[in-house]
Protein backbone atom coordinates (compact mmCIF):
# COMPACT_ATOMS: atom_id res chain seq x y z
CA MET A 1 114.91 125.17 108.78
CA ILE A 2 113.84 128.45 110.39
CA PRO A 3 117.22 130.22 110.58
CA GLU A 4 116.73 132.32 113.71
CA ILE A 5 115.21 129.44 115.69
CA ARG A 6 117.85 127.00 114.46
CA GLN A 7 120.69 129.35 115.36
CA ALA A 8 119.29 129.96 118.84
CA TYR A 9 118.76 126.23 119.40
CA ASN A 10 122.29 125.31 118.36
CA GLN A 11 123.76 128.00 120.59
CA GLN A 12 121.76 126.87 123.62
CA PHE A 13 122.32 123.16 123.07
CA SER A 14 124.39 121.25 125.60
CA SER A 15 125.45 117.63 125.81
CA ALA A 16 124.17 117.56 129.38
CA ARG A 17 120.66 118.56 128.26
CA TYR A 18 120.73 115.90 125.57
CA ALA A 19 121.87 113.25 128.06
CA ASP A 20 119.03 114.27 130.39
CA LEU A 21 116.53 113.92 127.56
CA LEU A 22 117.74 110.41 126.74
CA ALA A 23 117.73 109.42 130.38
CA SER A 24 114.19 110.72 130.81
CA LEU A 25 112.94 108.51 127.97
CA THR A 26 114.30 105.47 129.79
CA VAL A 27 113.04 106.56 133.20
CA GLU A 28 109.50 107.20 131.95
CA THR A 29 109.18 103.95 129.99
CA GLY A 30 111.66 101.57 131.61
CA VAL A 31 113.08 100.99 128.12
CA THR A 32 116.19 102.46 126.52
CA PRO A 33 115.48 103.38 122.88
CA ALA A 34 117.02 100.78 120.57
CA PHE A 35 117.52 103.41 117.89
CA ARG A 36 119.38 106.71 117.86
CA VAL A 37 117.38 109.74 118.99
CA ALA A 38 118.58 112.94 117.34
CA GLU A 39 119.98 115.85 119.33
CA THR A 40 117.41 118.17 117.82
CA PRO A 41 113.83 118.36 116.65
CA VAL A 42 113.07 119.88 113.25
CA PHE A 43 111.46 123.31 113.12
CA VAL A 44 109.24 123.38 110.02
CA PRO A 45 108.48 126.80 108.50
CA LYS A 46 104.90 127.68 107.59
CA LYS A 47 105.42 127.52 103.83
CA LEU A 48 106.90 124.00 103.93
CA GLN A 49 104.15 122.91 106.32
CA GLU A 50 101.51 124.09 103.85
CA GLN A 51 103.20 122.15 101.06
CA LEU A 52 103.43 119.02 103.20
CA LEU A 53 99.73 119.19 104.06
CA ALA A 54 98.79 119.72 100.41
CA ALA A 55 101.01 116.83 99.31
CA GLY A 56 99.51 114.61 102.01
CA ASP A 57 96.00 115.54 100.92
CA ALA A 58 96.84 114.61 97.33
CA VAL A 59 98.04 111.16 98.42
CA ILE A 60 94.88 110.70 100.49
CA THR A 61 92.84 111.51 97.38
CA THR A 62 94.41 108.48 95.70
CA LEU A 63 93.45 106.34 98.70
CA LEU A 64 89.85 107.49 98.35
CA ARG A 65 89.60 106.24 94.76
CA PRO A 66 86.47 104.07 94.37
CA ASP A 67 88.54 101.50 92.45
CA LEU A 68 91.29 101.23 95.08
CA LEU A 69 90.48 97.61 95.94
CA SER A 70 90.55 96.51 92.31
CA ILE A 71 93.82 98.23 91.40
CA THR A 72 95.54 96.80 94.49
CA GLU A 73 94.14 93.28 94.11
CA THR A 74 97.55 91.89 93.15
CA ALA A 75 99.38 93.75 95.91
CA ILE A 76 98.68 91.00 98.47
CA PRO A 77 101.16 88.12 98.10
CA ALA A 78 99.78 84.68 97.37
CA GLY A 79 98.79 82.84 100.51
CA LEU A 80 98.70 85.95 102.72
CA LEU A 81 95.14 87.16 102.11
CA VAL A 82 93.35 87.56 105.45
CA PRO A 83 89.50 87.33 105.62
CA LYS A 84 87.13 90.01 106.95
CA GLU A 85 88.97 92.99 105.51
CA ASN A 86 87.49 96.28 106.73
CA HIS A 87 86.61 99.32 104.63
CA HIS A 88 89.82 101.26 105.19
CA PRO A 89 93.07 101.20 107.18
CA GLN A 90 92.95 102.99 110.52
CA PHE A 91 96.45 104.35 109.95
CA ILE A 92 98.17 105.94 106.96
CA ILE A 93 101.86 106.80 106.98
CA ILE A 94 103.37 109.04 104.27
CA ASP A 95 107.11 109.78 104.03
CA PHE A 96 108.46 112.89 102.32
CA ALA A 97 112.02 113.91 101.60
CA VAL A 98 112.83 117.57 102.22
CA THR A 99 114.39 118.81 98.97
CA ARG A 100 115.08 122.11 97.20
CA ASN A 101 113.38 123.04 93.95
CA GLU A 102 115.00 124.86 91.03
CA ALA A 103 114.43 128.16 92.80
CA GLY A 104 116.26 126.89 95.88
CA LYS A 105 113.11 126.73 98.01
CA LEU A 106 112.39 123.84 100.38
CA THR A 107 109.78 121.45 99.03
CA PRO A 108 108.57 117.91 99.91
CA GLN A 109 108.95 114.90 97.62
CA LEU A 110 107.06 111.65 98.20
CA ILE A 111 109.25 108.70 99.18
CA GLU A 112 106.92 106.01 100.50
CA LEU A 113 103.53 105.30 102.10
CA GLN A 114 102.10 102.59 104.34
CA GLY A 115 98.70 101.38 105.49
CA PHE A 116 100.28 100.44 108.79
CA PRO A 117 100.87 102.10 112.16
CA SER A 118 104.02 103.97 113.12
CA LEU A 119 105.36 105.18 116.48
CA PHE A 120 102.18 106.94 117.59
CA GLY A 121 102.91 106.37 121.27
CA PHE A 122 106.63 107.15 121.31
CA GLN A 123 106.39 110.29 119.17
CA GLU A 124 104.03 111.90 121.67
CA LEU A 125 106.51 111.18 124.46
CA LEU A 126 109.53 112.32 122.44
CA ALA A 127 107.90 115.65 121.60
CA ARG A 128 107.15 116.25 125.29
CA GLN A 129 110.76 115.48 126.22
CA TYR A 130 112.15 117.80 123.55
CA ARG A 131 109.91 120.51 124.90
CA GLN A 132 110.99 119.85 128.49
CA TYR A 133 114.74 119.65 127.97
CA MET A 134 115.41 121.69 124.83
CA PRO A 135 114.66 125.30 123.73
CA VAL A 136 111.46 124.64 121.76
CA PRO A 137 109.17 127.63 121.06
CA GLY A 138 105.99 127.25 123.11
CA THR A 139 103.64 128.01 120.22
CA PHE A 140 105.06 125.28 117.96
CA SER A 141 103.29 121.89 117.89
CA THR A 142 103.85 118.37 116.60
CA PHE A 143 100.15 117.53 116.40
CA GLY A 144 97.97 117.77 113.32
CA PRO A 145 95.82 120.86 112.74
CA GLY A 146 93.29 121.47 115.52
CA LEU A 147 94.68 118.79 117.85
CA ASP A 148 96.20 119.04 121.31
CA ARG A 149 97.40 116.17 123.50
CA GLN A 150 93.92 115.36 124.80
CA GLY A 151 92.42 115.36 121.32
CA TYR A 152 95.31 113.28 120.03
CA VAL A 153 94.89 110.58 122.67
CA GLU A 154 91.16 110.47 122.04
CA LEU A 155 91.79 110.06 118.30
CA LEU A 156 94.16 107.16 118.99
CA ARG A 157 91.56 105.66 121.31
CA ARG A 158 88.91 105.74 118.55
CA CYS A 159 91.27 104.12 116.05
CA ILE A 160 92.86 101.48 118.25
CA LEU A 161 90.11 100.57 120.72
CA GLY A 162 87.09 101.22 118.53
CA THR A 163 84.08 100.39 120.72
CA HIS A 164 85.93 97.92 122.96
CA GLN A 165 87.41 97.99 126.45
CA PRO A 166 91.23 98.12 126.71
CA ALA A 167 91.36 94.65 128.28
CA ASN A 168 89.87 93.17 125.10
CA VAL A 169 92.28 94.94 122.75
CA ILE A 170 95.89 93.89 122.26
CA LEU A 171 98.91 95.22 120.43
CA LEU A 172 99.96 92.19 118.38
CA GLU A 173 103.59 91.74 117.38
CA VAL A 174 106.17 89.06 116.69
CA LEU A 175 108.43 88.79 119.75
CA PRO A 176 107.58 92.31 120.97
CA GLN A 177 110.23 92.30 123.71
CA GLU A 178 112.90 91.91 121.04
CA GLN A 179 111.66 94.62 118.68
CA LYS A 180 113.46 97.95 118.27
CA THR A 181 110.06 99.60 118.63
CA LEU A 182 109.46 98.13 122.10
CA ILE A 183 109.56 101.60 123.65
CA ASP A 184 106.58 102.57 121.46
CA PHE A 185 104.63 99.54 122.67
CA VAL A 186 105.24 100.62 126.27
CA CYS A 187 104.12 104.17 125.46
CA THR A 188 100.97 102.86 123.77
CA GLU A 189 100.07 100.77 126.82
CA ALA A 190 100.60 103.80 129.06
CA LEU A 191 98.29 105.91 126.88
CA LEU A 192 95.52 103.38 126.22
CA GLY A 193 95.96 100.48 128.65
CA ILE A 194 96.44 97.77 126.02
CA PRO A 195 99.15 95.10 126.41
CA ALA A 196 101.69 94.02 123.81
CA VAL A 197 101.14 90.32 123.09
CA CYS A 198 103.35 88.01 121.06
CA VAL A 199 101.58 86.16 118.28
CA SER A 200 102.82 82.89 119.81
CA GLU A 201 100.88 83.65 123.01
CA LEU A 202 97.45 83.78 121.36
CA ILE A 203 95.01 81.03 122.26
CA GLN A 204 92.44 79.97 119.67
CA GLU A 205 89.12 78.34 120.52
CA GLY A 206 87.05 77.91 117.41
CA LYS A 207 86.97 81.35 115.78
CA LYS A 208 87.66 83.18 119.05
CA LEU A 209 91.05 84.40 120.26
CA PHE A 210 92.27 84.82 123.84
CA TYR A 211 95.41 85.83 125.72
CA LEU A 212 96.48 85.20 129.29
CA LYS A 213 96.45 88.03 131.82
CA ASP A 214 97.49 87.14 135.38
CA GLY A 215 96.83 83.51 134.53
CA GLU A 216 93.26 84.18 133.33
CA LYS A 217 92.06 83.89 129.73
CA VAL A 218 90.86 87.20 128.29
CA ARG A 219 88.92 87.47 125.02
CA VAL A 220 90.62 89.38 122.19
CA GLN A 221 87.98 91.39 120.35
CA ARG A 222 90.23 93.83 118.51
CA ILE A 223 93.88 93.72 117.41
CA TYR A 224 96.11 96.77 117.08
CA ASN A 225 98.27 95.11 114.47
CA ARG A 226 102.02 95.72 114.52
CA MET A 227 102.80 92.28 113.11
CA ILE A 228 104.36 91.87 109.66
CA PHE A 229 103.74 88.45 108.14
CA GLU A 230 107.30 88.16 106.84
CA ASP A 231 108.43 88.02 110.48
CA LEU A 232 106.28 84.94 111.09
CA ALA A 233 108.47 83.06 108.64
CA LYS A 234 111.69 84.76 109.75
CA TYR A 235 111.22 83.74 113.40
CA LYS A 236 109.40 80.47 112.78
CA GLU A 237 111.71 78.39 115.00
CA GLN A 238 111.43 80.80 117.94
CA LEU A 239 107.67 81.14 117.65
CA GLY A 240 106.67 77.54 117.13
CA THR A 241 103.08 76.91 116.04
CA VAL A 242 101.04 80.09 115.62
CA ILE A 243 97.50 81.03 114.61
CA ASN A 244 96.61 80.64 110.92
CA PHE A 245 95.32 84.12 110.10
CA GLN A 246 94.15 83.00 106.67
CA HIS A 247 91.26 81.30 108.49
CA GLU A 248 88.25 83.40 109.50
CA LEU A 249 88.41 84.67 113.08
CA GLU A 250 85.93 86.62 115.21
CA VAL A 251 88.19 89.63 115.73
CA GLU A 252 88.48 93.20 114.48
CA TRP A 253 91.71 94.59 113.09
CA ALA A 254 93.32 98.01 113.32
CA THR A 255 94.79 97.94 110.76
CA HIS A 256 93.73 94.80 108.86
CA PRO A 257 96.82 92.96 107.51
CA ASN A 258 95.70 93.27 103.88
CA TRP A 259 96.12 97.04 104.01
CA TYR A 260 99.84 96.66 104.73
CA TYR A 261 100.18 95.48 101.13
CA ARG A 262 97.47 97.55 99.46
CA VAL A 263 98.73 100.90 100.80
CA SER A 264 102.44 100.60 100.18
CA LYS A 265 105.07 101.18 97.51
CA PHE A 266 102.58 99.37 95.29
CA LEU A 267 100.61 102.63 94.98
CA LEU A 268 103.52 104.89 94.03
CA PRO A 269 103.01 104.46 90.25
CA TYR A 270 99.41 105.66 90.69
CA ILE A 271 100.29 108.89 92.49
CA HIS A 272 101.05 111.95 90.39
CA GLY A 273 101.77 115.61 91.00
CA PRO A 274 104.61 118.06 91.59
CA PHE A 275 105.43 116.36 94.93
CA ALA A 276 105.50 112.80 93.49
CA PRO A 277 108.61 111.47 91.71
CA LYS A 278 107.85 109.37 88.66
CA ALA A 279 107.47 105.66 89.40
CA TRP A 280 106.72 102.56 87.34
CA PHE A 281 106.23 98.86 87.97
CA LEU A 282 109.41 97.36 86.61
CA HIS A 283 107.61 94.74 84.49
CA GLU A 284 105.51 97.48 82.83
CA LEU A 285 108.52 99.57 81.79
CA PRO A 286 109.25 98.85 78.09
CA VAL A 287 112.62 100.60 78.01
CA LEU A 288 114.99 101.51 80.82
CA PRO A 289 115.70 105.24 81.17
CA GLN A 290 118.99 106.36 79.63
CA ASP A 291 119.83 108.13 82.89
CA LEU A 292 119.31 105.08 85.10
CA GLU A 293 121.64 106.61 87.71
CA ASN A 294 118.85 109.08 88.48
CA TYR A 295 116.49 106.32 89.60
CA VAL A 296 116.23 103.88 92.49
CA LEU A 297 115.02 100.27 92.47
CA LYS A 298 112.69 99.28 95.29
CA PRO A 299 111.26 95.83 96.13
CA LEU A 300 107.54 96.06 96.81
CA PHE A 301 107.55 93.73 99.79
CA SER A 302 110.24 95.02 102.11
CA PHE A 303 110.52 97.64 104.84
CA ALA A 304 113.10 99.81 106.64
CA GLY A 305 115.08 100.32 103.43
CA GLN A 306 115.87 96.63 102.99
CA GLY A 307 116.67 95.51 99.46
CA VAL A 308 116.64 99.00 97.94
CA ILE A 309 119.20 99.52 95.14
CA ILE A 310 120.18 103.18 95.23
CA ASP A 311 122.49 103.25 92.19
CA PRO A 312 121.01 100.64 89.84
CA THR A 313 122.69 99.49 86.66
CA PRO A 314 121.20 97.59 83.69
CA ALA A 315 122.93 94.51 85.10
CA ASP A 316 121.06 94.94 88.40
CA VAL A 317 117.77 95.06 86.51
CA GLU A 318 118.61 91.96 84.46
CA LYS A 319 119.27 89.97 87.64
CA ILE A 320 115.76 90.59 88.95
CA GLU A 321 113.69 87.44 88.43
CA ASP A 322 110.37 88.90 89.62
CA PRO A 323 110.10 92.38 88.03
CA GLU A 324 106.38 92.51 88.90
CA ASN A 325 107.47 92.83 92.54
CA TRP A 326 109.73 95.84 91.97
CA ILE A 327 109.28 99.49 91.11
CA LEU A 328 111.66 101.95 89.50
CA GLN A 329 111.31 105.38 91.06
CA GLN A 330 112.90 108.67 90.13
CA LYS A 331 115.66 109.44 92.61
CA VAL A 332 115.11 112.27 95.06
CA GLN A 333 117.93 114.56 96.13
CA TYR A 334 117.59 115.30 99.84
CA ALA A 335 118.59 118.81 100.78
CA PRO A 336 121.08 119.31 103.65
CA ALA A 337 118.50 121.64 105.18
CA VAL A 338 119.03 121.29 108.94
CA GLU A 339 122.12 123.14 110.17
CA THR A 340 123.90 121.43 113.06
CA PRO A 341 127.16 122.21 114.90
CA THR A 342 128.84 119.33 113.05
CA GLY A 343 127.54 120.03 109.56
CA PRO A 344 124.14 120.07 107.83
CA ALA A 345 121.78 117.10 108.00
CA LYS A 346 119.25 115.81 105.50
CA CYS A 347 115.68 115.34 106.65
CA GLU A 348 112.75 113.05 105.97
CA ILE A 349 109.32 113.89 107.39
CA ARG A 350 106.66 111.28 108.09
CA LEU A 351 103.06 112.46 108.25
CA MET A 352 101.07 110.10 110.48
CA TYR A 353 97.32 109.91 109.87
CA CYS A 354 94.55 108.32 111.93
CA TRP A 355 91.39 107.07 110.22
CA PRO A 356 88.69 106.10 112.75
CA ASP A 357 86.21 103.42 111.70
CA ASP A 358 83.39 105.95 111.39
CA ALA A 359 85.35 108.77 109.70
CA ALA A 360 85.03 109.69 106.02
CA ALA A 361 88.75 110.38 105.57
CA PRO A 362 92.07 110.21 107.46
CA VAL A 363 93.05 112.92 109.94
CA LEU A 364 96.63 114.13 110.27
CA ALA A 365 97.52 113.34 113.87
CA GLN A 366 101.28 113.30 114.46
CA ASN A 367 104.63 113.28 112.70
CA LEU A 368 108.06 111.74 112.81
CA ALA A 369 111.33 113.09 111.43
CA ARG A 370 114.55 111.31 110.55
CA LEU A 371 117.83 113.16 110.22
CA SER A 372 120.76 111.79 108.27
CA LYS A 373 124.26 112.70 107.20
CA GLY A 374 124.83 109.42 105.38
CA LYS A 375 123.73 108.04 102.03
CA MET A 376 120.64 106.38 103.51
CA ILE A 377 118.09 108.07 105.75
CA GLY A 378 117.13 105.26 108.15
CA VAL A 379 118.50 105.34 111.70
CA ASN A 380 120.28 102.04 111.04
CA PHE A 381 122.53 103.75 108.50
CA ASN A 382 123.72 106.63 110.74
CA ARG A 383 124.80 104.85 113.91
CA ASP A 384 128.27 106.41 114.20
CA LEU A 385 127.25 110.00 113.42
CA ASP A 386 125.88 112.78 115.62
CA TRP A 387 122.89 115.10 115.20
CA VAL A 388 121.13 112.33 113.26
CA GLY A 389 118.44 109.76 114.05
CA GLY A 390 114.77 109.74 114.98
CA SER A 391 113.24 113.11 115.77
CA SER A 392 110.04 115.18 115.81
CA CYS A 393 108.84 118.09 113.69
CA PHE A 394 107.56 121.16 115.46
CA PHE A 395 105.41 123.17 113.04
CA GLU A 396 105.42 126.96 112.92
CA PRO A 397 101.97 128.28 113.97
């Protein structure tokens, strides 16, 4: 996005360097990424960075509303409410499409948000590998304002460990060894010393939870939660009997499962501003827009682009039996803003915030970028293309 840096990068790029970068990810973690890593990072110009930060701050303002709990009361599906909800989620994820405004200038547009962790471990490693193997300007950084690697790791430590020792904190997931994000779990353990534990391996004694380490039971006092409840049902046969999390347990959460639903697409209709496309709950929309082709239908309770209807028709809307669980959002036109040797790529930027237990507001900590040349942005939709996939943003100082 910064023409002179982009041109120099493309000219200096080599397939051998890229192969070395990929190999280094596997060597350092012992895991080969299960998703495509892009050939390039994204170089974000100062003006776009300022807009992203302002847009992120505006979303955070919505999360700080005193009535947030009441307006999101119906966001949690029936039967999935978990007791002992804490005051706020320790992680906030906000996705923005890079678009062009009427004047042709790059500008962010809100796509989605989550009260759930992202690849905080892997993105730190990926940025280091880009810097080692690719021509990345030394003054550019992937961290949030005022952070370096040491400060970043300490911020993660405050959010994930809280006041507990690493041995008493686990990364909880459904079948972690089978997840595409396994490499992030390995990175997180390397940074903080916490193991990834499958939900089926938890041991419950009364209200206390334990896991086995070297054959010994270890108390779980805090959970870094990467588990999505829908997966408990999806993999029920493989998991067998698991803990009932709707019962009260003596454990802390980071982030508590309820926030996965509260801070989600459910909040999009409440967020307004020049960066926020119009969005409505489908059941609250009295009349469908005449230009329905300029909107997208999104199910509230899905992730990774699943179930999204990009080009909805009135017939698609009529088929929906639970309109209260869907939103209609104004479609965003991604700009082919990243020049590559095989044609321009579209870009989505994820701002990744940490919110320690004792902090008044979230802190921008890290980012993630996704490059696409297909109709959908997610890495699953660009498997056979090059210069696309997961990436990092390096911000102009």
